[in-house]
N, C-alpha and C. Protein backbone atom coordinates (compact mmCIF):
# COMPACT_ATOMS: atom_id res chain seq x y z
N MET A 1 -46.55 52.45 -42.88
CA MET A 1 -46.02 51.01 -42.55
C MET A 1 -45.51 50.69 -41.30
N LYS A 2 -45.84 49.59 -40.99
CA LYS A 2 -45.59 49.10 -39.45
C LYS A 2 -44.56 48.91 -39.03
N ALA A 3 -43.78 49.56 -38.06
CA ALA A 3 -42.54 49.30 -37.63
C ALA A 3 -42.09 47.95 -37.18
N PRO A 4 -41.00 47.40 -37.67
CA PRO A 4 -40.65 45.91 -37.13
C PRO A 4 -40.40 45.87 -35.72
N LYS A 5 -40.47 44.71 -35.25
CA LYS A 5 -39.91 44.20 -33.92
C LYS A 5 -38.61 43.79 -33.94
N CYS A 6 -38.04 44.11 -32.56
CA CYS A 6 -36.59 44.13 -32.41
C CYS A 6 -36.60 42.50 -32.56
N GLU A 7 -35.16 42.32 -32.97
CA GLU A 7 -35.04 40.79 -33.18
C GLU A 7 -34.38 40.09 -31.59
N ASN A 8 -33.93 40.57 -30.96
CA ASN A 8 -33.29 40.57 -29.36
C ASN A 8 -34.40 40.52 -28.29
N CYS A 9 -35.22 41.53 -28.17
CA CYS A 9 -35.99 41.88 -27.44
C CYS A 9 -37.50 41.91 -27.53
N GLY A 10 -38.04 41.83 -28.75
CA GLY A 10 -39.51 41.89 -29.30
C GLY A 10 -40.17 43.39 -28.94
N SER A 11 -39.39 44.53 -28.70
CA SER A 11 -39.95 45.77 -28.75
C SER A 11 -40.45 45.95 -29.85
N GLU A 12 -41.43 46.98 -30.01
CA GLU A 12 -41.49 47.75 -31.42
C GLU A 12 -40.00 48.68 -31.74
N LYS A 13 -39.73 48.69 -32.91
CA LYS A 13 -38.94 49.34 -33.27
C LYS A 13 -39.16 50.78 -33.67
N ILE A 14 -38.67 51.88 -33.29
CA ILE A 14 -38.80 53.41 -33.33
C ILE A 14 -37.94 53.93 -34.63
N GLU A 15 -38.62 54.91 -35.29
CA GLU A 15 -37.77 55.26 -36.76
C GLU A 15 -36.90 56.16 -36.04
N PHE A 16 -35.73 56.25 -36.52
CA PHE A 16 -34.45 57.19 -36.32
C PHE A 16 -34.00 57.68 -37.32
N PHE A 17 -33.85 59.01 -37.26
CA PHE A 17 -33.14 60.04 -38.32
C PHE A 17 -32.03 60.76 -37.83
N ALA A 18 -30.98 60.37 -38.45
CA ALA A 18 -29.71 61.19 -38.19
C ALA A 18 -29.38 62.39 -38.94
N LYS A 19 -28.28 63.13 -38.43
CA LYS A 19 -28.26 64.43 -39.20
C LYS A 19 -27.89 64.38 -40.58
N THR A 20 -27.17 63.47 -40.85
CA THR A 20 -26.99 62.93 -42.23
C THR A 20 -28.06 62.88 -43.01
N GLY A 21 -29.16 62.41 -42.68
CA GLY A 21 -30.28 62.29 -43.41
C GLY A 21 -30.22 60.69 -43.59
N LEU A 22 -30.07 59.92 -42.99
CA LEU A 22 -29.84 58.40 -42.84
C LEU A 22 -31.06 58.06 -41.87
N ARG A 23 -31.96 57.14 -42.35
CA ARG A 23 -33.17 56.94 -41.83
C ARG A 23 -33.21 55.45 -41.43
N ALA A 24 -33.35 54.96 -40.41
CA ALA A 24 -33.54 53.42 -39.95
C ALA A 24 -34.49 53.34 -38.48
N PHE A 25 -34.87 51.90 -38.56
CA PHE A 25 -35.50 51.62 -37.51
C PHE A 25 -34.69 50.81 -36.25
N VAL A 26 -34.81 51.64 -35.23
CA VAL A 26 -33.85 51.35 -34.11
C VAL A 26 -34.75 50.93 -32.61
N CYS A 27 -34.28 49.83 -32.14
CA CYS A 27 -35.14 49.29 -30.98
C CYS A 27 -34.79 50.64 -29.91
N PRO A 28 -36.07 50.79 -28.94
CA PRO A 28 -35.78 51.84 -28.30
C PRO A 28 -34.74 51.24 -26.80
N ASN A 29 -34.85 50.19 -26.88
CA ASN A 29 -33.58 49.81 -25.90
C ASN A 29 -32.64 49.85 -25.96
N THR A 30 -31.88 50.29 -27.23
CA THR A 30 -30.80 50.26 -27.99
C THR A 30 -29.99 51.46 -27.89
N ALA A 31 -28.43 51.45 -27.59
CA ALA A 31 -27.76 52.59 -27.56
C ALA A 31 -27.38 52.85 -29.16
N THR A 32 -27.57 54.00 -29.36
CA THR A 32 -26.94 54.27 -30.77
C THR A 32 -26.26 55.59 -30.44
N GLY A 33 -25.61 55.87 -31.73
CA GLY A 33 -24.83 57.17 -31.73
C GLY A 33 -23.94 57.06 -33.24
N GLY A 34 -23.27 58.17 -33.35
CA GLY A 34 -22.53 58.58 -34.41
C GLY A 34 -20.99 58.46 -34.28
N VAL A 35 -20.37 58.07 -35.19
CA VAL A 35 -18.93 58.02 -34.87
C VAL A 35 -18.53 58.79 -36.29
N ARG A 36 -17.12 59.56 -36.14
CA ARG A 36 -16.40 60.14 -37.68
C ARG A 36 -15.69 59.09 -38.36
N SER A 37 -15.86 58.69 -39.24
CA SER A 37 -14.43 57.93 -40.07
C SER A 37 -13.38 58.87 -40.33
N LEU A 38 -12.34 58.09 -40.74
CA LEU A 38 -10.78 58.90 -40.76
C LEU A 38 -11.32 60.12 -41.89
N ALA A 39 -12.24 59.53 -42.97
CA ALA A 39 -12.82 60.53 -44.15
C ALA A 39 -13.37 61.68 -43.67
N GLY A 40 -14.06 61.47 -42.13
CA GLY A 40 -14.93 62.65 -41.94
C GLY A 40 -16.25 62.43 -42.04
N ARG A 41 -16.54 61.18 -42.62
CA ARG A 41 -18.23 60.95 -42.68
C ARG A 41 -18.39 60.37 -41.21
N LEU A 42 -19.58 60.78 -41.06
CA LEU A 42 -20.51 60.11 -40.04
C LEU A 42 -20.88 58.79 -40.06
N LEU A 43 -20.62 58.00 -39.36
CA LEU A 43 -21.06 56.63 -39.48
C LEU A 43 -22.23 56.12 -38.16
N PHE A 44 -22.93 55.59 -38.91
CA PHE A 44 -24.12 55.19 -37.68
C PHE A 44 -23.81 54.15 -37.09
N ILE A 45 -23.97 53.89 -35.90
CA ILE A 45 -23.68 52.40 -34.71
C ILE A 45 -24.50 52.41 -34.11
N GLU A 46 -25.13 51.11 -34.27
CA GLU A 46 -26.22 50.52 -33.39
C GLU A 46 -25.58 49.50 -32.40
N ILE A 47 -25.90 49.59 -31.19
CA ILE A 47 -25.36 48.65 -30.10
C ILE A 47 -26.58 47.76 -29.92
N PRO A 48 -26.90 46.44 -30.18
CA PRO A 48 -28.23 45.81 -29.80
C PRO A 48 -28.45 45.81 -28.59
N CYS A 49 -29.52 45.95 -27.90
CA CYS A 49 -30.05 46.33 -26.85
C CYS A 49 -29.68 45.10 -25.78
N HIS A 50 -29.54 43.87 -26.01
CA HIS A 50 -29.17 42.80 -25.23
C HIS A 50 -27.86 42.95 -24.71
N ILE A 51 -26.90 43.90 -25.72
CA ILE A 51 -25.64 44.46 -25.20
C ILE A 51 -25.54 45.64 -24.35
N ALA A 52 -26.25 46.39 -24.74
CA ALA A 52 -26.59 47.86 -24.14
C ALA A 52 -27.06 47.60 -22.59
N ILE A 53 -28.02 46.66 -22.43
CA ILE A 53 -28.33 46.29 -21.06
C ILE A 53 -27.47 45.34 -20.47
N ASP A 54 -27.15 44.16 -21.06
CA ASP A 54 -26.10 43.41 -20.13
C ASP A 54 -24.77 44.05 -19.94
N GLY A 55 -24.34 44.93 -20.78
CA GLY A 55 -22.72 45.07 -20.81
C GLY A 55 -22.25 45.83 -19.66
N PRO A 56 -22.96 47.12 -19.06
CA PRO A 56 -22.55 47.66 -17.66
C PRO A 56 -22.89 46.56 -16.49
N LEU A 57 -24.08 45.84 -16.58
CA LEU A 57 -24.07 45.07 -15.70
C LEU A 57 -23.52 44.00 -15.44
N ALA A 58 -22.79 43.26 -16.40
CA ALA A 58 -21.73 42.54 -16.41
C ALA A 58 -20.51 42.76 -15.88
N VAL A 59 -20.16 44.18 -16.50
CA VAL A 59 -18.85 44.77 -16.07
C VAL A 59 -18.84 44.78 -14.58
N PHE A 60 -20.05 45.64 -13.85
CA PHE A 60 -19.83 45.53 -12.63
C PHE A 60 -20.07 44.35 -11.79
N GLU A 61 -20.58 43.40 -12.34
CA GLU A 61 -20.71 42.19 -11.54
C GLU A 61 -19.19 41.72 -11.44
N ARG A 62 -18.37 41.74 -12.70
CA ARG A 62 -17.25 40.96 -12.82
C ARG A 62 -16.29 41.96 -11.59
N ALA A 63 -16.53 43.12 -11.85
CA ALA A 63 -15.59 44.13 -10.92
C ALA A 63 -15.63 43.84 -9.50
N ALA A 64 -17.29 43.68 -9.14
CA ALA A 64 -16.99 43.91 -7.55
C ALA A 64 -17.32 42.14 -7.45
N LYS A 65 -17.42 41.41 -8.14
CA LYS A 65 -17.50 39.83 -7.83
C LYS A 65 -18.78 39.74 -7.08
N THR A 66 -19.80 40.49 -6.90
CA THR A 66 -21.06 40.15 -6.59
C THR A 66 -22.10 40.21 -7.41
N PRO A 67 -23.03 39.46 -7.31
CA PRO A 67 -24.27 39.74 -8.27
C PRO A 67 -25.12 41.07 -7.98
N PHE A 68 -25.43 41.52 -9.15
CA PHE A 68 -26.54 42.89 -8.92
C PHE A 68 -27.41 42.85 -7.86
N GLU A 69 -28.03 41.47 -8.00
CA GLU A 69 -29.08 41.44 -6.89
C GLU A 69 -28.71 41.58 -5.54
N ALA A 70 -27.71 41.50 -5.14
CA ALA A 70 -27.02 41.77 -3.83
C ALA A 70 -27.22 43.22 -3.56
N LEU A 71 -26.95 43.99 -4.62
CA LEU A 71 -26.91 45.39 -4.59
C LEU A 71 -28.14 46.19 -4.42
N ARG A 72 -29.11 45.34 -5.35
CA ARG A 72 -30.55 45.90 -5.10
C ARG A 72 -30.84 45.45 -3.90
N LYS A 73 -30.51 44.26 -3.12
CA LYS A 73 -31.16 44.06 -1.93
C LYS A 73 -30.71 44.77 -0.67
N ALA A 74 -29.51 45.67 -1.03
CA ALA A 74 -28.70 46.10 -0.23
C ALA A 74 -29.46 47.45 0.03
N VAL A 75 -30.01 48.27 -0.88
CA VAL A 75 -30.64 49.11 -0.79
C VAL A 75 -32.11 49.12 -0.78
N ARG A 76 -32.66 47.92 -0.24
CA ARG A 76 -34.05 47.45 -0.04
C ARG A 76 -35.06 47.67 -1.36
N PHE A 77 -34.31 47.48 -2.55
CA PHE A 77 -34.78 47.46 -3.70
C PHE A 77 -35.82 48.86 -3.78
N THR A 78 -34.96 49.91 -3.41
CA THR A 78 -35.75 51.32 -3.33
C THR A 78 -35.33 52.25 -4.65
N ILE A 79 -34.35 51.66 -5.49
CA ILE A 79 -33.70 52.52 -6.34
C ILE A 79 -33.83 51.68 -7.48
N PRO A 80 -34.09 52.17 -8.79
CA PRO A 80 -34.34 51.66 -9.88
C PRO A 80 -33.11 51.02 -10.21
N GLY A 81 -33.04 49.94 -11.17
CA GLY A 81 -31.74 49.05 -11.59
C GLY A 81 -30.81 49.92 -12.43
N GLY A 82 -31.34 50.82 -13.29
CA GLY A 82 -30.49 51.83 -14.03
C GLY A 82 -29.65 52.81 -13.32
N GLN A 83 -30.44 53.23 -12.51
CA GLN A 83 -29.86 54.35 -11.32
C GLN A 83 -28.85 54.00 -10.38
N LEU A 84 -29.35 52.69 -10.02
CA LEU A 84 -28.15 52.18 -9.18
C LEU A 84 -27.21 51.53 -9.69
N LEU A 85 -27.25 51.25 -10.88
CA LEU A 85 -25.86 50.78 -11.69
C LEU A 85 -25.16 51.85 -11.87
N GLY A 86 -25.74 53.16 -12.17
CA GLY A 86 -24.84 54.10 -12.49
C GLY A 86 -24.16 54.65 -11.23
N HIS A 87 -24.99 54.64 -9.81
CA HIS A 87 -24.15 54.75 -8.88
C HIS A 87 -23.46 54.20 -8.45
N ALA A 88 -23.46 52.80 -8.70
CA ALA A 88 -22.19 51.68 -8.11
C ALA A 88 -20.85 52.12 -9.04
N ASN A 89 -21.52 52.41 -10.30
CA ASN A 89 -20.28 52.48 -11.07
C ASN A 89 -19.65 54.11 -10.91
N ALA A 90 -20.34 55.04 -10.72
CA ALA A 90 -19.64 56.24 -10.01
C ALA A 90 -18.65 56.07 -8.80
N GLY A 91 -19.59 54.95 -7.79
CA GLY A 91 -18.36 54.55 -6.71
C GLY A 91 -17.17 54.31 -7.05
N ILE A 92 -17.07 52.98 -8.21
CA ILE A 92 -15.82 52.63 -8.50
C ILE A 92 -15.04 53.90 -9.29
N LEU A 93 -15.78 54.70 -9.65
CA LEU A 93 -14.79 55.81 -10.42
C LEU A 93 -14.47 56.63 -9.08
N ALA A 94 -15.01 56.43 -8.11
CA ALA A 94 -14.51 57.15 -6.96
C ALA A 94 -13.35 56.57 -6.27
N LYS A 95 -13.20 55.11 -6.70
CA LYS A 95 -12.03 54.68 -6.13
C LYS A 95 -12.59 53.74 -4.84
N ILE A 96 -13.78 53.68 -4.64
CA ILE A 96 -14.29 52.96 -3.45
C ILE A 96 -14.03 51.43 -4.16
N PRO A 97 -13.41 50.41 -3.34
CA PRO A 97 -13.25 48.95 -3.89
C PRO A 97 -14.56 48.54 -4.11
N PRO A 98 -14.84 47.73 -5.00
CA PRO A 98 -15.85 47.20 -5.78
C PRO A 98 -16.70 46.14 -4.71
N GLU A 99 -15.57 45.48 -4.23
CA GLU A 99 -16.30 44.45 -3.47
C GLU A 99 -16.98 44.93 -2.27
N ARG A 100 -16.69 46.25 -1.84
CA ARG A 100 -17.12 46.91 -0.48
C ARG A 100 -18.63 47.67 -0.93
N ILE A 101 -18.85 47.76 -2.22
CA ILE A 101 -19.98 48.87 -2.59
C ILE A 101 -21.50 48.20 -2.10
N PRO A 102 -21.52 46.95 -2.14
CA PRO A 102 -22.72 46.69 -1.39
C PRO A 102 -23.06 46.81 -0.21
N ASN A 103 -22.29 46.62 0.75
CA ASN A 103 -21.95 46.94 2.21
C ASN A 103 -22.30 48.23 2.34
N LEU A 104 -21.65 48.96 1.71
CA LEU A 104 -21.45 50.91 1.77
C LEU A 104 -22.80 51.18 1.48
N PHE A 105 -23.42 50.87 0.46
CA PHE A 105 -24.89 51.04 -0.13
C PHE A 105 -25.62 50.73 0.95
N ALA A 106 -25.60 49.61 1.53
CA ALA A 106 -26.63 49.29 2.62
C ALA A 106 -26.35 50.26 3.93
N ALA A 107 -25.06 50.52 4.45
CA ALA A 107 -24.75 51.10 5.52
C ALA A 107 -25.36 52.72 5.04
N ALA A 108 -24.97 53.27 3.93
CA ALA A 108 -25.39 54.57 3.43
C ALA A 108 -27.19 54.72 3.52
N THR A 109 -27.94 53.72 3.02
CA THR A 109 -29.21 53.29 3.45
C THR A 109 -29.73 53.45 4.76
N SER A 110 -29.02 52.76 5.55
CA SER A 110 -29.42 52.72 6.80
C SER A 110 -29.09 54.09 7.63
N LEU A 111 -28.08 54.79 7.26
CA LEU A 111 -27.44 56.09 7.90
C LEU A 111 -28.78 57.13 7.39
N GLY A 112 -29.01 57.29 6.01
CA GLY A 112 -30.00 57.69 5.39
C GLY A 112 -31.37 58.08 5.98
N LEU A 113 -31.82 56.93 6.43
CA LEU A 113 -33.05 56.33 6.94
C LEU A 113 -33.11 57.03 8.36
N ALA A 114 -32.05 57.21 9.32
CA ALA A 114 -31.78 57.71 10.49
C ALA A 114 -31.86 59.01 10.41
N THR A 115 -31.56 59.67 9.45
CA THR A 115 -31.27 61.15 9.17
C THR A 115 -32.59 61.83 7.94
N SER A 116 -33.38 60.77 7.85
CA SER A 116 -34.49 61.62 7.03
C SER A 116 -34.34 61.92 5.96
N LYS A 117 -33.41 61.04 5.02
CA LYS A 117 -32.91 61.06 3.71
C LYS A 117 -33.38 59.77 2.86
N THR A 118 -33.82 59.83 1.83
CA THR A 118 -34.07 58.70 0.89
C THR A 118 -32.87 57.81 0.72
N PRO A 119 -32.96 56.33 0.50
CA PRO A 119 -31.74 55.74 -0.02
C PRO A 119 -30.77 56.32 -1.04
N LEU A 120 -31.40 56.79 -2.07
CA LEU A 120 -30.68 57.43 -3.35
C LEU A 120 -30.47 58.80 -2.77
N GLU A 121 -30.86 59.67 -2.06
CA GLU A 121 -29.94 60.78 -1.50
C GLU A 121 -28.79 60.58 -0.82
N SER A 122 -29.10 59.22 0.34
CA SER A 122 -27.95 58.92 0.90
C SER A 122 -26.69 58.55 0.34
N ILE A 123 -27.08 57.54 -1.09
CA ILE A 123 -25.96 57.11 -1.71
C ILE A 123 -25.29 57.88 -2.41
N GLU A 124 -25.93 59.20 -2.92
CA GLU A 124 -25.32 60.12 -3.69
C GLU A 124 -24.61 60.85 -2.60
N THR A 125 -24.81 61.20 -1.57
CA THR A 125 -24.17 62.19 -0.41
C THR A 125 -22.81 61.33 -0.32
N LEU A 126 -23.06 59.90 0.23
CA LEU A 126 -21.56 59.09 0.18
C LEU A 126 -21.05 59.15 -0.83
N ILE A 127 -21.21 58.89 -1.93
CA ILE A 127 -20.28 59.15 -2.99
C ILE A 127 -19.56 60.24 -3.64
N TYR A 128 -20.29 61.21 -3.30
CA TYR A 128 -19.99 62.47 -3.47
C TYR A 128 -18.91 63.06 -2.55
N GLY A 129 -19.16 62.50 -1.17
CA GLY A 129 -18.37 62.87 0.00
C GLY A 129 -17.00 62.07 -0.56
N VAL A 130 -17.00 60.90 -0.54
CA VAL A 130 -15.74 59.84 -0.73
C VAL A 130 -14.89 60.67 -1.75
N ARG A 131 -15.72 60.91 -3.07
CA ARG A 131 -15.07 61.33 -4.10
C ARG A 131 -14.06 62.58 -4.03
N ASN A 132 -14.85 63.53 -3.82
CA ASN A 132 -14.58 64.87 -3.54
C ASN A 132 -13.65 64.97 -1.75
N LYS A 133 -13.64 64.04 -1.44
CA LYS A 133 -13.29 64.16 0.28
C LYS A 133 -13.76 65.04 0.94
N SER A 134 -15.08 65.44 1.06
CA SER A 134 -15.74 66.22 1.77
C SER A 134 -16.41 65.66 2.87
N ILE A 135 -15.91 66.10 4.12
CA ILE A 135 -16.51 65.82 5.34
C ILE A 135 -17.43 66.73 5.94
N ARG A 136 -17.79 67.56 5.17
CA ARG A 136 -19.42 68.31 5.29
C ARG A 136 -20.38 67.45 4.27
N ARG A 137 -20.03 67.08 3.63
CA ARG A 137 -21.03 65.96 2.75
C ARG A 137 -21.18 64.74 3.31
N LEU A 138 -20.33 63.90 4.13
CA LEU A 138 -20.40 63.21 4.89
C LEU A 138 -21.09 63.23 6.13
N ASP A 139 -20.74 64.25 6.77
CA ASP A 139 -21.61 64.91 7.80
C ASP A 139 -23.05 64.64 7.55
N ASN A 140 -23.40 64.77 6.47
CA ASN A 140 -25.11 65.20 6.11
C ASN A 140 -25.66 63.48 6.29
N ILE A 141 -24.92 62.55 6.47
CA ILE A 141 -25.45 61.10 6.32
C ILE A 141 -24.81 60.38 7.84
N GLY A 142 -24.59 61.56 8.74
CA GLY A 142 -24.46 61.24 10.13
C GLY A 142 -22.87 61.01 10.40
N LEU A 143 -22.21 61.11 9.60
CA LEU A 143 -20.54 61.04 9.50
C LEU A 143 -19.70 62.15 10.23
N SER A 144 -20.04 62.34 11.37
CA SER A 144 -19.06 63.66 12.15
C SER A 144 -17.95 63.26 12.76
N ARG A 145 -17.37 62.44 12.84
CA ARG A 145 -15.88 62.51 13.60
C ARG A 145 -15.28 61.76 12.30
N PHE A 146 -14.43 62.61 12.17
CA PHE A 146 -13.44 62.25 10.87
C PHE A 146 -12.24 62.99 11.13
N ASP A 147 -11.12 62.19 11.12
CA ASP A 147 -9.69 62.86 11.51
C ASP A 147 -8.95 62.37 10.44
N PRO A 148 -8.39 63.09 9.40
CA PRO A 148 -7.78 62.68 8.27
C PRO A 148 -6.24 61.82 8.82
N LYS A 149 -5.41 62.61 9.80
CA LYS A 149 -4.45 61.54 10.49
C LYS A 149 -4.55 60.48 10.80
N ASP A 150 -5.69 59.98 11.35
CA ASP A 150 -6.34 58.36 11.59
C ASP A 150 -6.20 57.47 10.05
N ALA A 151 -6.75 58.31 9.26
CA ALA A 151 -6.87 57.64 8.02
C ALA A 151 -5.45 57.19 7.50
N TYR A 152 -4.63 58.24 7.47
CA TYR A 152 -3.29 57.91 7.29
C TYR A 152 -2.67 57.06 8.14
N GLU A 153 -2.79 56.92 9.47
CA GLU A 153 -2.35 56.04 10.14
C GLU A 153 -2.71 55.02 9.97
N ARG A 154 -4.04 54.18 9.85
CA ARG A 154 -4.47 53.35 9.47
C ARG A 154 -3.88 52.58 8.14
N TYR A 155 -4.19 53.49 6.84
CA TYR A 155 -3.64 52.96 5.76
C TYR A 155 -2.25 53.37 5.41
N LYS A 156 -1.18 53.20 5.92
CA LYS A 156 -0.06 53.58 5.82
C LYS A 156 0.65 53.57 4.61
N GLU A 157 0.11 52.45 4.02
CA GLU A 157 1.21 51.96 2.65
C GLU A 157 0.13 52.48 1.30
N GLU A 158 -0.74 53.16 1.61
CA GLU A 158 -1.74 53.55 0.62
C GLU A 158 -1.39 55.10 0.28
N THR A 159 -2.02 55.57 -0.89
CA THR A 159 -1.55 57.13 -1.04
C THR A 159 -2.61 57.84 -0.03
N GLN A 160 -2.36 59.23 0.31
CA GLN A 160 -2.90 59.95 1.11
C GLN A 160 -4.51 60.17 0.76
N ASP A 161 -4.72 60.24 -0.73
CA ASP A 161 -6.11 59.90 -1.42
C ASP A 161 -6.77 58.73 -1.05
N LEU A 162 -6.33 57.59 -1.55
CA LEU A 162 -6.96 56.19 -1.13
C LEU A 162 -7.13 56.21 0.33
N ALA A 163 -6.09 56.67 1.14
CA ALA A 163 -6.46 56.15 2.48
C ALA A 163 -7.50 56.78 3.14
N TRP A 164 -7.55 58.10 2.65
CA TRP A 164 -8.83 58.91 2.95
C TRP A 164 -10.04 58.34 2.72
N LYS A 165 -10.19 58.09 1.44
CA LYS A 165 -11.31 57.36 0.78
C LYS A 165 -11.49 55.79 1.52
N LEU A 166 -10.81 55.18 1.66
CA LEU A 166 -10.76 54.00 2.65
C LEU A 166 -11.42 53.97 3.82
N TYR A 167 -10.47 54.86 4.61
CA TYR A 167 -10.94 55.38 5.76
C TYR A 167 -12.35 55.87 5.95
N ALA A 168 -12.97 56.71 5.28
CA ALA A 168 -14.30 56.99 5.28
C ALA A 168 -15.33 56.16 5.42
N CYS A 169 -14.96 55.05 4.03
CA CYS A 169 -15.94 53.78 3.85
C CYS A 169 -16.00 53.07 5.33
N ASP A 170 -14.59 53.16 5.72
CA ASP A 170 -15.01 52.28 7.07
C ASP A 170 -15.46 52.54 8.15
N LEU A 171 -15.37 53.97 8.25
CA LEU A 171 -16.18 54.94 9.27
C LEU A 171 -17.93 54.96 8.86
N VAL A 172 -18.16 55.00 7.78
CA VAL A 172 -19.60 54.46 7.23
C VAL A 172 -20.14 53.26 7.90
N GLU A 173 -19.44 52.28 7.52
CA GLU A 173 -19.91 50.88 7.78
C GLU A 173 -19.73 50.90 9.37
N GLU A 174 -19.02 51.13 10.02
CA GLU A 174 -19.06 50.99 11.63
C GLU A 174 -20.28 52.09 12.19
N LEU A 175 -20.68 53.13 11.61
CA LEU A 175 -21.63 53.84 12.14
C LEU A 175 -22.95 53.21 11.78
N ALA A 176 -22.92 52.69 10.51
CA ALA A 176 -24.02 51.97 10.20
C ALA A 176 -24.45 50.92 11.17
N SER A 177 -23.27 49.92 11.45
CA SER A 177 -23.64 48.90 12.09
C SER A 177 -23.70 49.35 13.68
N SER A 178 -23.11 50.32 14.04
CA SER A 178 -23.67 50.78 15.48
C SER A 178 -25.01 51.13 15.57
N LEU A 179 -25.55 51.63 14.75
CA LEU A 179 -26.93 52.12 14.74
C LEU A 179 -27.89 50.63 14.85
N LYS A 180 -27.34 49.36 13.97
CA LYS A 180 -28.18 48.45 13.84
C LYS A 180 -27.90 47.62 15.58
N GLY A 181 -26.63 47.80 15.96
CA GLY A 181 -26.61 47.30 17.19
C GLY A 181 -27.25 47.82 18.46
N GLY A 182 -27.61 49.13 17.91
CA GLY A 182 -28.10 49.96 19.15
C GLY A 182 -29.74 50.05 19.27
N GLY A 183 -29.98 48.89 18.93
CA GLY A 183 -31.66 48.89 18.80
C GLY A 183 -32.38 49.39 17.91
N ALA A 184 -31.58 50.02 16.84
CA ALA A 184 -32.59 50.61 15.69
C ALA A 184 -32.88 49.69 14.50
């Protein structure tokens, strides 16, 4: 029996077997999963591929007020879209203001290249460093001068946690712009 084609994207569907013995054809671009009903039975859920692909992208674009293409341009098209979107969402979860993410990713990419890191490594370092307030991690992309007291003074109206994160973002952007201005 030949597998049917997806109505949304035209991909050939693959056969899917659930633990309950349920058999179905599912688009490979579809998010699938199981949910337990109130009666305890496992129900099969299929999120259509056009929703599974567009959903997180639309959420990011709405939150950042920036087209995803600007984010891809910021990293010089070096990171695949899915990974890039995952890191952008991780940045939002790390409380980096969404509208600053494209500039920060561009800055991290520049700093990473200056310190012999790939754009992906430098973005992961930036997000981890900001999320965990790790000065050592931020030092890996060249941010060595960081005084938490300056952060708390600059962002007095914010909580200490958010002040630290915003100040780290400011320093990353300043350091990257000084690299560009310094003839790099």
